[in-house]
N, C-alpha and C. Protein backbone atom coordinates (compact mmCIF):
# COMPACT_ATOMS: atom_id res chain seq x y z
N MET A 1 8.45 77.62 -47.62
CA MET A 1 9.83 77.79 -47.80
C MET A 1 10.07 78.01 -49.26
N PRO A 2 10.89 78.84 -49.55
CA PRO A 2 11.60 78.66 -51.04
C PRO A 2 12.37 77.79 -51.62
N GLU A 3 12.15 77.28 -52.69
CA GLU A 3 13.09 76.25 -53.13
C GLU A 3 14.59 76.59 -53.53
N GLU A 4 15.40 75.75 -53.21
CA GLU A 4 16.73 76.01 -53.41
C GLU A 4 17.16 75.47 -54.69
N SER A 5 18.18 75.83 -55.19
CA SER A 5 18.72 75.51 -56.43
C SER A 5 19.72 74.25 -55.92
N THR A 6 19.49 72.99 -56.46
CA THR A 6 20.28 71.88 -55.95
C THR A 6 21.29 71.43 -57.22
N THR A 7 22.26 72.21 -57.38
CA THR A 7 23.20 71.77 -58.46
C THR A 7 24.72 71.42 -58.16
N PRO A 8 25.41 70.54 -58.97
CA PRO A 8 26.71 70.31 -58.70
C PRO A 8 27.58 71.49 -58.42
N GLU A 9 27.33 72.51 -59.25
CA GLU A 9 28.15 73.60 -59.22
C GLU A 9 28.07 74.18 -57.79
N ASN A 10 26.96 74.26 -57.01
CA ASN A 10 27.08 74.95 -55.66
C ASN A 10 27.49 73.84 -54.54
N GLY A 11 27.40 72.35 -54.99
CA GLY A 11 27.37 71.61 -53.86
C GLY A 11 26.33 71.03 -53.35
N GLY A 12 25.07 71.28 -53.88
CA GLY A 12 23.68 70.97 -53.37
C GLY A 12 23.53 69.53 -53.99
N GLU A 13 23.99 68.70 -54.38
CA GLU A 13 23.56 67.59 -54.96
C GLU A 13 22.66 66.88 -53.63
N PRO A 14 21.29 66.59 -54.07
CA PRO A 14 20.59 66.13 -52.96
C PRO A 14 21.04 64.50 -52.64
N MET A 15 21.02 64.28 -51.35
CA MET A 15 21.25 63.04 -50.81
C MET A 15 19.88 62.53 -49.77
N THR A 16 19.74 60.90 -49.95
CA THR A 16 18.69 60.49 -49.22
C THR A 16 19.04 60.19 -47.74
N ILE A 17 18.36 60.18 -47.06
CA ILE A 17 18.56 59.71 -45.65
C ILE A 17 19.49 58.52 -45.47
N ALA A 18 19.25 57.39 -46.35
CA ALA A 18 19.87 56.10 -46.50
C ALA A 18 21.42 56.56 -46.87
N GLU A 19 21.48 57.42 -47.76
CA GLU A 19 22.93 57.73 -48.23
C GLU A 19 23.60 58.65 -47.12
N ILE A 20 23.09 59.66 -46.20
CA ILE A 20 23.64 60.10 -45.48
C ILE A 20 24.02 59.22 -44.14
N CYS A 21 23.12 58.09 -43.72
CA CYS A 21 23.42 57.22 -42.94
C CYS A 21 24.84 56.56 -43.12
N ALA A 22 24.83 55.96 -44.56
CA ALA A 22 25.87 55.30 -44.88
C ALA A 22 27.32 56.34 -44.99
N GLU A 23 27.22 57.49 -45.71
CA GLU A 23 28.21 58.30 -45.55
C GLU A 23 28.85 58.82 -44.29
N HIS A 24 27.96 59.08 -43.33
CA HIS A 24 28.33 59.81 -42.12
C HIS A 24 28.20 58.86 -41.05
N ARG A 25 28.21 57.51 -41.32
CA ARG A 25 28.19 56.38 -40.34
C ARG A 25 27.45 56.68 -39.01
N VAL A 26 26.13 57.15 -39.07
CA VAL A 26 25.26 57.41 -38.20
C VAL A 26 23.80 56.50 -38.51
N SER A 27 23.51 56.18 -37.29
CA SER A 27 22.02 55.33 -37.45
C SER A 27 20.88 56.16 -37.87
N ARG A 28 19.84 55.46 -38.49
CA ARG A 28 18.59 56.35 -38.69
C ARG A 28 18.09 56.74 -37.58
N GLN A 29 18.07 56.22 -36.53
CA GLN A 29 17.51 56.83 -35.36
C GLN A 29 18.29 58.19 -34.90
N THR A 30 19.61 58.18 -34.93
CA THR A 30 20.26 59.09 -34.53
C THR A 30 20.00 60.48 -35.61
N LEU A 31 19.92 60.00 -36.81
CA LEU A 31 19.58 61.07 -37.90
C LEU A 31 18.17 61.60 -37.77
N HIS A 32 17.19 60.87 -37.24
CA HIS A 32 15.96 61.07 -37.10
C HIS A 32 15.89 62.01 -35.84
N ARG A 33 16.58 61.81 -34.86
CA ARG A 33 16.62 62.89 -33.67
C ARG A 33 17.20 64.17 -34.15
N LEU A 34 18.19 64.36 -34.90
CA LEU A 34 18.81 65.34 -35.31
C LEU A 34 17.81 66.20 -36.11
N ARG A 35 17.04 65.45 -37.11
CA ARG A 35 16.23 66.17 -38.15
C ARG A 35 14.97 66.61 -37.18
N ALA A 36 14.66 66.17 -36.09
CA ALA A 36 13.56 66.52 -35.57
C ALA A 36 13.59 67.44 -34.56
N ASP A 37 15.02 67.71 -33.96
CA ASP A 37 15.22 68.77 -33.13
C ASP A 37 15.57 70.23 -34.01
N PRO A 38 14.78 71.08 -33.87
CA PRO A 38 14.99 72.27 -34.62
C PRO A 38 16.21 73.11 -33.99
N ASP A 39 16.38 73.10 -32.76
CA ASP A 39 17.83 73.66 -32.45
C ASP A 39 19.07 72.69 -32.69
N SER A 40 19.19 71.62 -33.38
CA SER A 40 20.28 71.03 -33.91
C SER A 40 21.00 71.77 -35.12
N GLY A 41 20.17 72.31 -35.98
CA GLY A 41 20.96 73.14 -36.84
C GLY A 41 20.91 71.99 -38.10
N PHE A 42 20.22 70.92 -38.02
CA PHE A 42 20.47 69.97 -39.40
C PHE A 42 19.75 70.80 -40.41
N PRO A 43 20.41 70.67 -41.81
CA PRO A 43 19.65 71.41 -42.95
C PRO A 43 18.54 70.93 -43.23
N ASP A 44 17.62 71.73 -43.89
CA ASP A 44 16.27 71.52 -44.32
C ASP A 44 16.09 70.52 -45.42
N PRO A 45 15.07 69.91 -45.64
CA PRO A 45 15.30 69.12 -46.91
C PRO A 45 14.89 69.86 -48.09
N VAL A 46 15.27 69.40 -49.17
CA VAL A 46 14.83 70.13 -50.47
C VAL A 46 14.18 69.17 -51.38
N ARG A 47 13.33 69.71 -52.22
CA ARG A 47 12.49 68.88 -53.20
C ARG A 47 13.20 68.93 -54.61
N ASP A 48 13.50 67.75 -55.18
CA ASP A 48 14.00 68.03 -56.23
C ASP A 48 13.26 67.47 -57.31
N GLY A 49 12.06 66.95 -57.29
CA GLY A 49 10.92 67.05 -58.15
C GLY A 49 11.28 65.49 -58.80
N ARG A 50 12.15 64.50 -58.48
CA ARG A 50 12.34 63.46 -59.12
C ARG A 50 11.63 62.35 -58.42
N SER A 51 11.32 62.61 -56.82
CA SER A 51 10.96 61.64 -55.99
C SER A 51 10.28 62.25 -54.89
N THR A 52 9.47 61.34 -54.13
CA THR A 52 8.63 61.91 -52.81
C THR A 52 9.50 61.77 -51.79
N ARG A 53 10.86 61.26 -51.80
CA ARG A 53 11.77 60.99 -50.63
C ARG A 53 12.24 62.34 -50.24
N LEU A 54 12.43 62.44 -49.11
CA LEU A 54 13.24 63.58 -48.58
C LEU A 54 14.81 63.61 -49.22
N ARG A 55 15.14 64.77 -49.45
CA ARG A 55 16.68 64.64 -49.87
C ARG A 55 17.13 66.16 -49.41
N TYR A 56 18.47 65.96 -48.98
CA TYR A 56 19.29 66.87 -48.21
C TYR A 56 20.45 67.28 -49.08
N PRO A 57 20.81 68.71 -49.18
CA PRO A 57 22.04 69.09 -49.91
C PRO A 57 23.25 68.54 -49.22
N ARG A 58 24.04 67.82 -50.14
CA ARG A 58 25.01 67.02 -49.68
C ARG A 58 26.06 68.19 -49.25
N ALA A 59 26.52 69.20 -49.53
CA ALA A 59 27.43 70.33 -48.82
C ALA A 59 27.00 70.78 -47.65
N LEU A 60 25.73 70.84 -47.58
CA LEU A 60 25.20 71.41 -46.12
C LEU A 60 25.21 70.26 -45.12
N VAL A 61 24.94 68.96 -45.50
CA VAL A 61 24.85 67.92 -44.35
C VAL A 61 26.48 67.57 -44.15
N ALA A 62 27.24 67.72 -45.04
CA ALA A 62 28.70 67.48 -44.59
C ALA A 62 29.42 68.54 -43.82
N GLN A 63 29.11 70.00 -44.14
CA GLN A 63 29.18 71.01 -43.29
C GLN A 63 28.60 70.93 -41.79
N PHE A 64 27.33 70.57 -41.65
CA PHE A 64 26.69 70.11 -40.43
C PHE A 64 27.53 69.01 -39.65
N PHE A 65 27.90 68.14 -40.30
CA PHE A 65 28.87 66.93 -39.43
C PHE A 65 30.09 67.55 -39.22
N ARG A 66 30.83 68.33 -39.88
CA ARG A 66 31.98 68.85 -39.55
C ARG A 66 31.85 69.63 -38.58
N ASP A 67 30.87 70.49 -38.49
CA ASP A 67 30.75 71.49 -37.25
C ASP A 67 29.99 70.84 -35.98
N ASN A 68 29.51 69.74 -36.07
CA ASN A 68 28.80 69.06 -35.08
C ASN A 68 29.42 67.49 -35.19
N PRO A 69 30.60 67.12 -34.68
CA PRO A 69 31.04 65.68 -34.67
C PRO A 69 30.23 65.01 -33.59
N LEU A 70 29.79 63.92 -34.09
CA LEU A 70 28.97 63.12 -32.95
C LEU A 70 30.20 62.30 -32.23
N GLN A 71 29.45 62.18 -30.87
CA GLN A 71 30.28 61.30 -29.98
C GLN A 71 29.50 60.22 -29.62
N PRO A 72 30.25 59.02 -29.21
CA PRO A 72 29.47 57.82 -28.96
C PRO A 72 28.85 57.98 -27.43
N GLY A 73 27.72 57.30 -26.99
CA GLY A 73 27.55 57.65 -25.72
C GLY A 73 28.10 56.74 -24.54
N ARG A 74 28.00 56.92 -23.52
CA ARG A 74 28.77 56.13 -22.51
C ARG A 74 28.06 54.78 -22.40
N ARG A 75 28.70 53.61 -22.33
CA ARG A 75 28.12 52.39 -22.15
C ARG A 75 27.72 51.97 -20.94
N THR A 76 26.44 51.60 -20.91
CA THR A 76 25.70 51.40 -19.86
C THR A 76 25.73 49.62 -19.33
N ASP A 77 26.10 49.07 -20.25
CA ASP A 77 26.18 47.38 -19.98
C ASP A 77 27.27 46.97 -18.90
N LEU A 78 28.21 47.92 -18.79
CA LEU A 78 29.17 47.64 -17.91
C LEU A 78 28.93 48.13 -16.48
N ASP A 79 27.97 48.78 -16.18
CA ASP A 79 27.54 49.50 -15.02
C ASP A 79 27.00 48.16 -13.91
N LYS A 80 27.37 48.04 -12.73
CA LYS A 80 26.89 47.21 -11.67
C LYS A 80 26.25 47.86 -10.77
């Protein structure tokens, strides 16, 4: 996979999984499900050389959540 440029000029500042969860109000489990599903269209991580943590381009993550708004599941605790 070719390395992508991650600069503020192109909106590609990398963000961690924890930052994605906090900013987009999703659980780590939901984010893992999205990342693990190749059909979801979630952006690929980029390596920025500063850390071994996976980081994702901020602009691409924001675009993903704009294009794919998450909907809460149906409550099952009310079923009788």
